[in-house]
C-alpha atoms as a PDB file:
ATOM      1  CA  UNK A   1       1.571  15.809  17.709  1.00  0.00           C
ATOM      2  CA  UNK A   2       3.327  14.437  14.975  1.00  0.00           C
ATOM      3  CA  UNK A   3       3.924  10.989  14.706  1.00  0.00           C
ATOM      4  CA  UNK A   4       6.419   8.481  12.572  1.00  0.00           C
ATOM      5  CA  UNK A   5       5.129   5.914  10.845  1.00  0.00           C
ATOM      6  CA  UNK A   6       7.462   2.609   9.181  1.00  0.00           C
ATOM      7  CA  UNK A   7       5.903   0.476   7.182  1.00  0.00           C
ATOM      8  CA  UNK A   8       7.499  -2.572   5.360  1.00  0.00           C
ATOM      9  CA  UNK A   9       4.624  -4.538   3.006  1.00  0.00           C
ATOM     10  CA  UNK A  10       4.058  -6.798   0.196  1.00  0.00           C
ATOM     11  CA  UNK A  11       1.105  -6.244  -2.675  1.00  0.00           C
ATOM     12  CA  UNK A  12      -0.019  -9.955  -3.307  1.00  0.00           C
ATOM     13  CA  UNK A  13      -2.021 -10.373  -7.053  1.00  0.00           C
ATOM     14  CA  UNK A  14      -3.285 -13.074  -8.486  1.00  0.00           C
ATOM     15  CA  UNK A  15      -1.519 -12.299 -12.066  1.00  0.00           C
ATOM     16  CA  UNK A  16       2.024 -13.224 -11.663  1.00  0.00           C
ATOM     17  CA  UNK A  17       2.576 -11.289 -15.079  1.00  0.00           C
ATOM     18  CA  UNK A  18       1.184  -8.088 -14.029  1.00  0.00           C
ATOM     19  CA  UNK A  19       3.139  -8.546 -10.484  1.00  0.00           C
ATOM     20  CA  UNK A  20       6.229  -8.810 -12.205  1.00  0.00           C
ATOM     21  CA  UNK A  21       5.787  -5.764 -14.668  1.00  0.00           C
ATOM     22  CA  UNK A  22       4.831  -3.529 -11.565  1.00  0.00           C
ATOM     23  CA  UNK A  23       8.091  -5.001  -9.704  1.00  0.00           C
ATOM     24  CA  UNK A  24      10.479  -4.565 -12.920  1.00  0.00           C
ATOM     25  CA  UNK A  25       9.101  -1.357 -14.193  1.00  0.00           C
ATOM     26  CA  UNK A  26      10.265   1.671 -12.359  1.00  0.00           C
ATOM     27  CA  UNK A  27       7.953   4.149 -13.492  1.00  0.00           C
ATOM     28  CA  UNK A  28       5.084   1.946 -12.546  1.00  0.00           C
ATOM     29  CA  UNK A  29       6.756   1.099  -9.064  1.00  0.00           C
ATOM     30  CA  UNK A  30       7.625   4.459  -8.493  1.00  0.00           C
ATOM     31  CA  UNK A  31       3.800   5.859  -9.110  1.00  0.00           C
ATOM     32  CA  UNK A  32       2.504   2.877  -6.873  1.00  0.00           C
ATOM     33  CA  UNK A  33       4.862   3.878  -4.470  1.00  0.00           C
ATOM     34  CA  UNK A  34       4.258   7.239  -4.930  1.00  0.00           C
ATOM     35  CA  UNK A  35      -0.048   6.510  -4.425  1.00  0.00           C
ATOM     36  CA  UNK A  36       0.730   4.624  -1.363  1.00  0.00           C
ATOM     37  CA  UNK A  37       3.262   7.516   0.516  1.00  0.00           C
ATOM     38  CA  UNK A  38       0.398  10.230  -0.265  1.00  0.00           C
ATOM     39  CA  UNK A  39      -2.335   7.985   1.499  1.00  0.00           C
ATOM     40  CA  UNK A  40      -0.019   7.237   4.215  1.00  0.00           C
ATOM     41  CA  UNK A  41       0.957  10.959   4.681  1.00  0.00           C
ATOM     42  CA  UNK A  42      -2.990  11.390   5.235  1.00  0.00           C
ATOM     43  CA  UNK A  43      -3.341   8.580   7.735  1.00  0.00           C
ATOM     44  CA  UNK A  44      -3.777   9.658  12.036  1.00  0.00           C
ATOM     45  CA  UNK A  45      -2.135   7.356  14.425  1.00  0.00           C
ATOM     46  CA  UNK A  46      -4.752   6.652  16.271  1.00  0.00           C
ATOM     47  CA  UNK A  47      -6.541   4.329  14.123  1.00  0.00           C
ATOM     48  CA  UNK A  48      -3.658   2.780  12.730  1.00  0.00           C
ATOM     49  CA  UNK A  49      -2.711   1.084  16.242  1.00  0.00           C
ATOM     50  CA  UNK A  50      -5.780  -0.653  16.450  1.00  0.00           C
ATOM     51  CA  UNK A  51      -6.433  -4.003  14.448  1.00  0.00           C
ATOM     52  CA  UNK A  52      -9.718  -2.508  12.576  1.00  0.00           C
ATOM     53  CA  UNK A  53      -7.648   0.464  11.861  1.00  0.00           C
ATOM     54  CA  UNK A  54      -4.655  -1.674  10.014  1.00  0.00           C
ATOM     55  CA  UNK A  55      -7.335  -3.394   8.293  1.00  0.00           C
ATOM     56  CA  UNK A  56      -9.175   0.002   6.822  1.00  0.00           C
ATOM     57  CA  UNK A  57      -5.623   1.050   5.957  1.00  0.00           C
ATOM     58  CA  UNK A  58      -4.959  -2.255   4.090  1.00  0.00           C
ATOM     59  CA  UNK A  59      -8.307  -1.620   2.015  1.00  0.00           C
ATOM     60  CA  UNK A  60      -7.378   1.613   1.171  1.00  0.00           C
ATOM     61  CA  UNK A  61      -3.763   0.513   0.068  1.00  0.00           C
ATOM     62  CA  UNK A  62      -5.568  -1.814  -2.289  1.00  0.00           C
ATOM     63  CA  UNK A  63      -8.294  -0.088  -4.117  1.00  0.00           C
ATOM     64  CA  UNK A  64      -6.222   3.185  -5.483  1.00  0.00           C
ATOM     65  CA  UNK A  65      -2.756   0.511  -6.864  1.00  0.00           C
ATOM     66  CA  UNK A  66      -4.952  -0.467  -9.979  1.00  0.00           C
ATOM     67  CA  UNK A  67      -5.893   3.002 -10.607  1.00  0.00           C
ATOM     68  CA  UNK A  68      -2.433   4.121 -10.327  1.00  0.00           C
ATOM     69  CA  UNK A  69      -1.017   1.527 -12.765  1.00  0.00           C
ATOM     70  CA  UNK A  70      -3.502   2.313 -15.257  1.00  0.00           C
ATOM     71  CA  UNK A  71      -4.568  -1.193 -15.737  1.00  0.00           C
ATOM     72  CA  UNK A  72      -6.820  -3.698 -14.107  1.00  0.00           C
ATOM     73  CA  UNK A  73      -4.422  -5.239 -11.890  1.00  0.00           C
ATOM     74  CA  UNK A  74      -6.479  -6.253  -8.709  1.00  0.00           C
ATOM     75  CA  UNK A  75      -4.105  -6.446  -5.220  1.00  0.00           C
ATOM     76  CA  UNK A  76      -5.933  -9.303  -3.479  1.00  0.00           C
ATOM     77  CA  UNK A  77      -3.983  -8.562  -0.373  1.00  0.00           C
ATOM     78  CA  UNK A  78      -1.953  -6.223   1.549  1.00  0.00           C
ATOM     79  CA  UNK A  79       0.696  -7.773   3.767  1.00  0.00           C
ATOM     80  CA  UNK A  80       2.641  -6.012   6.701  1.00  0.00           C
ATOM     81  CA  UNK A  81       5.887  -7.109   7.341  1.00  0.00           C
ATOM     82  CA  UNK A  82       6.640  -3.940   9.514  1.00  0.00           C
ATOM     83  CA  UNK A  83       4.409  -1.736  10.884  1.00  0.00           C
ATOM     84  CA  UNK A  84       5.853   0.824  13.600  1.00  0.00           C
ATOM     85  CA  UNK A  85       3.819   3.793  14.840  1.00  0.00           C
ATOM     86  CA  UNK A  86       5.966   6.289  17.290  1.00  0.00           C
END
């Protein structure tokens, strides 16, 4: 059946200038959010409730951000602040 996923996360990067630009630029912010939402909509609940599944999701989120932004922005970590699967 259908499941509900609520995620609140922080993306960490080494470059403070790029991080600030990504946060402040509405277009870049929207592109990053959209790519993450598209990725999340393809997920299944069963793997996400395991530690391994969460780790794979972190990797999957970090990889496409640079492509979405169109710059050499490297996400060094994805921190889940809130993660609920119902």
